[in-house]
PDB file of N, CA and C in Angstrom:
ATOM      1  N   UNK A   1      92.180 102.638  74.636  1.00  0.00           N
ATOM      2  CA  UNK A   1      91.448 101.929  73.610  1.00  0.00           C
ATOM      3  C   UNK A   1      92.489 101.127  72.828  1.00  0.00           C
ATOM      4  N   UNK A   2      91.847 100.336  71.706  1.00  0.00           N
ATOM      5  CA  UNK A   2      92.676  99.683  71.058  1.00  0.00           C
ATOM      6  C   UNK A   2      93.011 100.187  69.776  1.00  0.00           C
ATOM      7  N   UNK A   3      93.871  99.625  68.625  1.00  0.00           N
ATOM      8  CA  UNK A   3      94.388 100.131  67.797  1.00  0.00           C
ATOM      9  C   UNK A   3      93.379 100.270  66.830  1.00  0.00           C
ATOM     10  N   UNK A   4      92.098  99.803  66.837  1.00  0.00           N
ATOM     11  CA  UNK A   4      90.914 100.003  65.681  1.00  0.00           C
ATOM     12  C   UNK A   4      89.946 101.037  66.737  1.00  0.00           C
ATOM     13  N   UNK A   5      90.234 101.361  67.695  1.00  0.00           N
ATOM     14  CA  UNK A   5      89.677 102.614  68.406  1.00  0.00           C
ATOM     15  C   UNK A   5      88.859 102.262  69.120  1.00  0.00           C
ATOM     16  N   UNK A   6      88.209 101.029  69.676  1.00  0.00           N
ATOM     17  CA  UNK A   6      87.403 100.731  70.296  1.00  0.00           C
ATOM     18  C   UNK A   6      87.709 100.932  71.891  1.00  0.00           C
ATOM     19  N   UNK A   7      86.787 101.227  72.548  1.00  0.00           N
ATOM     20  CA  UNK A   7      87.022 100.974  74.148  1.00  0.00           C
ATOM     21  C   UNK A   7      87.622  99.585  74.754  1.00  0.00           C
ATOM     22  N   UNK A   8      88.445  99.325  75.060  1.00  0.00           N
ATOM     23  CA  UNK A   8      88.647  98.035  76.078  1.00  0.00           C
ATOM     24  C   UNK A   8      87.746  97.813  77.333  1.00  0.00           C
ATOM     25  N   UNK A   9      87.390  96.523  77.543  1.00  0.00           N
ATOM     26  CA  UNK A   9      86.694  96.305  78.281  1.00  0.00           C
ATOM     27  C   UNK A   9      87.828  95.844  80.030  1.00  0.00           C
ATOM     28  N   UNK A  10      86.891  96.401  80.971  1.00  0.00           N
ATOM     29  CA  UNK A  10      87.823  95.767  82.046  1.00  0.00           C
ATOM     30  C   UNK A  10      88.646  94.683  81.892  1.00  0.00           C
ATOM     31  N   UNK A  11      87.872  93.597  81.369  1.00  0.00           N
ATOM     32  CA  UNK A  11      88.584  91.974  81.504  1.00  0.00           C
ATOM     33  C   UNK A  11      89.405  91.976  80.380  1.00  0.00           C
ATOM     34  N   UNK A  12      89.119  92.474  78.998  1.00  0.00           N
ATOM     35  CA  UNK A  12      90.292  92.383  78.365  1.00  0.00           C
ATOM     36  C   UNK A  12      91.631  92.772  78.677  1.00  0.00           C
ATOM     37  N   UNK A  13      91.636  94.048  79.349  1.00  0.00           N
ATOM     38  CA  UNK A  13      92.661  94.745  80.128  1.00  0.00           C
ATOM     39  C   UNK A  13      93.248  94.353  80.929  1.00  0.00           C
ATOM     40  N   UNK A  14      92.456  93.537  81.899  1.00  0.00           N
ATOM     41  CA  UNK A  14      93.224  92.775  82.768  1.00  0.00           C
ATOM     42  C   UNK A  14      93.755  91.937  81.998  1.00  0.00           C
ATOM     43  N   UNK A  15      93.394  91.221  81.520  1.00  0.00           N
ATOM     44  CA  UNK A  15      93.985  89.910  80.737  1.00  0.00           C
ATOM     45  C   UNK A  15      95.019  89.994  79.926  1.00  0.00           C
ATOM     46  N   UNK A  16      95.461  91.559  79.894  1.00  0.00           N
ATOM     47  CA  UNK A  16      96.241  91.810  78.823  1.00  0.00           C
ATOM     48  C   UNK A  16      97.493  91.692  79.974  1.00  0.00           C
ATOM     49  N   UNK A  17      97.131  92.966  81.098  1.00  0.00           N
ATOM     50  CA  UNK A  17      97.975  93.416  82.463  1.00  0.00           C
ATOM     51  C   UNK A  17      98.424  91.629  82.731  1.00  0.00           C
ATOM     52  N   UNK A  18      97.883  90.874  83.334  1.00  0.00           N
ATOM     53  CA  UNK A  18      98.097  89.389  83.456  1.00  0.00           C
ATOM     54  C   UNK A  18      99.288  88.756  82.645  1.00  0.00           C
ATOM     55  N   UNK A  19      98.406  88.940  81.298  1.00  0.00           N
ATOM     56  CA  UNK A  19      99.961  88.742  80.439  1.00  0.00           C
ATOM     57  C   UNK A  19     101.154  88.701  80.731  1.00  0.00           C
ATOM     58  N   UNK A  20     101.294  90.348  80.255  1.00  0.00           N
ATOM     59  CA  UNK A  20     102.509  91.019  80.694  1.00  0.00           C
ATOM     60  C   UNK A  20     103.213  90.576  81.917  1.00  0.00           C
ATOM     61  N   UNK A  21     102.083  90.824  83.259  1.00  0.00           N
ATOM     62  CA  UNK A  21     103.028  90.142  84.361  1.00  0.00           C
ATOM     63  C   UNK A  21     103.699  89.021  84.451  1.00  0.00           C
ATOM     64  N   UNK A  22     102.895  87.770  83.511  1.00  0.00           N
ATOM     65  CA  UNK A  22     103.451  86.742  83.849  1.00  0.00           C
ATOM     66  C   UNK A  22     104.447  86.053  82.633  1.00  0.00           C
ATOM     67  N   UNK A  23     104.609  86.919  81.766  1.00  0.00           N
ATOM     68  CA  UNK A  23     105.759  86.969  80.948  1.00  0.00           C
ATOM     69  C   UNK A  23     107.024  88.101  81.410  1.00  0.00           C
ATOM     70  N   UNK A  24     106.616  88.829  82.137  1.00  0.00           N
ATOM     71  CA  UNK A  24     107.994  89.231  82.904  1.00  0.00           C
ATOM     72  C   UNK A  24     108.408  87.914  84.440  1.00  0.00           C
ATOM     73  N   UNK A  25     107.672  87.190  84.390  1.00  0.00           N
ATOM     74  CA  UNK A  25     108.508  86.372  85.577  1.00  0.00           C
ATOM     75  C   UNK A  25     107.591  86.987  86.827  1.00  0.00           C
ATOM     76  N   UNK A  26     106.556  87.908  87.124  1.00  0.00           N
ATOM     77  CA  UNK A  26     106.459  88.414  88.034  1.00  0.00           C
ATOM     78  C   UNK A  26     105.178  88.148  88.794  1.00  0.00           C
ATOM     79  N   UNK A  27     104.819  87.727  90.128  1.00  0.00           N
ATOM     80  CA  UNK A  27     103.775  87.487  91.073  1.00  0.00           C
ATOM     81  C   UNK A  27     103.279  88.227  91.349  1.00  0.00           C
ATOM     82  N   UNK A  28     101.659  88.068  91.525  1.00  0.00           N
ATOM     83  CA  UNK A  28     101.021  89.473  92.516  1.00  0.00           C
ATOM     84  C   UNK A  28     101.481  89.647  93.028  1.00  0.00           C
ATOM     85  N   UNK A  29     101.920  89.052  94.312  1.00  0.00           N
ATOM     86  CA  UNK A  29     102.701  89.575  95.418  1.00  0.00           C
ATOM     87  C   UNK A  29     104.016  90.505  95.126  1.00  0.00           C
ATOM     88  N   UNK A  30     104.629  90.066  94.350  1.00  0.00           N
ATOM     89  CA  UNK A  30     105.641  90.858  93.877  1.00  0.00           C
ATOM     90  C   UNK A  30     105.867  92.253  93.255  1.00  0.00           C
ATOM     91  N   UNK A  31     104.263  92.212  92.700  1.00  0.00           N
ATOM     92  CA  UNK A  31     103.681  93.236  91.840  1.00  0.00           C
ATOM     93  C   UNK A  31     103.150  94.247  93.022  1.00  0.00           C
ATOM     94  N   UNK A  32     102.431  93.294  94.206  1.00  0.00           N
ATOM     95  CA  UNK A  32     101.615  94.287  94.956  1.00  0.00           C
ATOM     96  C   UNK A  32     103.041  94.895  95.822  1.00  0.00           C
ATOM     97  N   UNK A  33     104.303  94.194  96.342  1.00  0.00           N
ATOM     98  CA  UNK A  33     105.002  94.359  96.970  1.00  0.00           C
ATOM     99  C   UNK A  33     105.633  96.097  96.073  1.00  0.00           C
ATOM    100  N   UNK A  34     105.720  96.047  95.215  1.00  0.00           N
ATOM    101  CA  UNK A  34     106.267  97.529  94.192  1.00  0.00           C
ATOM    102  C   UNK A  34     105.656  98.520  93.812  1.00  0.00           C
ATOM    103  N   UNK A  35     104.168  98.482  94.134  1.00  0.00           N
ATOM    104  CA  UNK A  35     103.278  99.305  93.627  1.00  0.00           C
ATOM    105  C   UNK A  35     102.605  99.670  94.882  1.00  0.00           C
ATOM    106  N   UNK A  36     102.491  98.945  96.019  1.00  0.00           N
ATOM    107  CA  UNK A  36     101.910  99.143  97.412  1.00  0.00           C
ATOM    108  C   UNK A  36     100.277  98.623  97.255  1.00  0.00           C
ATOM    109  N   UNK A  37      99.497  98.061  95.598  1.00  0.00           N
ATOM    110  CA  UNK A  37      98.723  97.723  95.681  1.00  0.00           C
ATOM    111  C   UNK A  37      98.198  96.568  96.278  1.00  0.00           C
ATOM    112  N   UNK A  38      97.590  96.352  97.253  1.00  0.00           N
ATOM    113  CA  UNK A  38      96.978  95.003  97.402  1.00  0.00           C
ATOM    114  C   UNK A  38      97.182  94.060  96.335  1.00  0.00           C
ATOM    115  N   UNK A  39      97.337  92.461  97.014  1.00  0.00           N
ATOM    116  CA  UNK A  39      97.216  91.393  95.926  1.00  0.00           C
ATOM    117  C   UNK A  39      95.767  91.430  95.227  1.00  0.00           C
ATOM    118  N   UNK A  40      94.935  91.288  96.242  1.00  0.00           N
ATOM    119  CA  UNK A  40      93.354  91.017  96.032  1.00  0.00           C
ATOM    120  C   UNK A  40      93.219  91.849  95.514  1.00  0.00           C
ATOM    121  N   UNK A  41      93.474  93.582  94.911  1.00  0.00           N
ATOM    122  CA  UNK A  41      93.003  94.248  94.292  1.00  0.00           C
ATOM    123  C   UNK A  41      93.630  94.087  92.830  1.00  0.00           C
ATOM    124  N   UNK A  42      95.090  93.980  92.665  1.00  0.00           N
ATOM    125  CA  UNK A  42      95.500  93.504  91.411  1.00  0.00           C
ATOM    126  C   UNK A  42      94.821  92.387  90.756  1.00  0.00           C
ATOM    127  N   UNK A  43      94.248  91.355  91.671  1.00  0.00           N
ATOM    128  CA  UNK A  43      93.612  90.257  90.906  1.00  0.00           C
ATOM    129  C   UNK A  43      92.390  90.778  90.512  1.00  0.00           C
ATOM    130  N   UNK A  44      91.441  91.183  91.363  1.00  0.00           N
ATOM    131  CA  UNK A  44      90.387  91.918  90.670  1.00  0.00           C
ATOM    132  C   UNK A  44      90.778  92.842  89.346  1.00  0.00           C
ATOM    133  N   UNK A  45      91.596  93.476  89.122  1.00  0.00           N
ATOM    134  CA  UNK A  45      91.737  94.079  88.357  1.00  0.00           C
ATOM    135  C   UNK A  45      92.418  93.093  86.829  1.00  0.00           C
ATOM    136  N   UNK A  46      92.913  91.796  87.292  1.00  0.00           N
ATOM    137  CA  UNK A  46      93.432  91.247  86.418  1.00  0.00           C
ATOM    138  C   UNK A  46      92.402  90.131  85.867  1.00  0.00           C
ATOM    139  N   UNK A  47      91.353  89.827  86.444  1.00  0.00           N
ATOM    140  CA  UNK A  47      90.300  89.268  86.237  1.00  0.00           C
ATOM    141  C   UNK A  47      88.853  90.274  85.465  1.00  0.00           C
ATOM    142  N   UNK A  48      89.069  91.461  85.692  1.00  0.00           N
ATOM    143  CA  UNK A  48      88.179  92.517  84.869  1.00  0.00           C
ATOM    144  C   UNK A  48      86.767  92.671  86.512  1.00  0.00           C
ATOM    145  N   UNK A  49      87.277  91.987  87.687  1.00  0.00           N
ATOM    146  CA  UNK A  49      86.150  92.318  88.413  1.00  0.00           C
ATOM    147  C   UNK A  49      86.277  93.787  88.850  1.00  0.00           C
ATOM    148  N   UNK A  50      87.326  94.531  88.891  1.00  0.00           N
ATOM    149  CA  UNK A  50      87.580  95.900  89.113  1.00  0.00           C
ATOM    150  C   UNK A  50      88.271  96.701  87.604  1.00  0.00           C
ATOM    151  N   UNK A  51      87.825  98.179  87.758  1.00  0.00           N
ATOM    152  CA  UNK A  51      88.424  98.573  86.449  1.00  0.00           C
ATOM    153  C   UNK A  51      89.845  99.121  87.296  1.00  0.00           C
ATOM    154  N   UNK A  52      90.596  99.491  86.919  1.00  0.00           N
ATOM    155  CA  UNK A  52      91.900 100.216  87.244  1.00  0.00           C
ATOM    156  C   UNK A  52      91.736 101.609  86.858  1.00  0.00           C
ATOM    157  N   UNK A  53      92.493 102.607  87.505  1.00  0.00           N
ATOM    158  CA  UNK A  53      92.393 103.779  87.639  1.00  0.00           C
ATOM    159  C   UNK A  53      93.522 104.335  88.275  1.00  0.00           C
ATOM    160  N   UNK A  54      94.141 105.772  87.704  1.00  0.00           N
ATOM    161  CA  UNK A  54      95.199 105.970  87.696  1.00  0.00           C
ATOM    162  C   UNK A  54      95.750 106.656  89.266  1.00  0.00           C
ATOM    163  N   UNK A  55      95.015 105.996  90.220  1.00  0.00           N
ATOM    164  CA  UNK A  55      95.429 106.871  91.560  1.00  0.00           C
ATOM    165  C   UNK A  55      96.031 106.095  92.112  1.00  0.00           C
TER     166      UNK A  55
END
């Protein structure tokens, strides 16, 4: 949820994740290595084509 109480869309959430990753200077490959999540999966989350999960 956002501060105004509305639910985030997957695309909006993914865009914020991408911005945060880029601000840290991290690459998809680096995040993939650190998390064990495939770069293609991370890319799909960042572009809103896949919903992030807690699993």
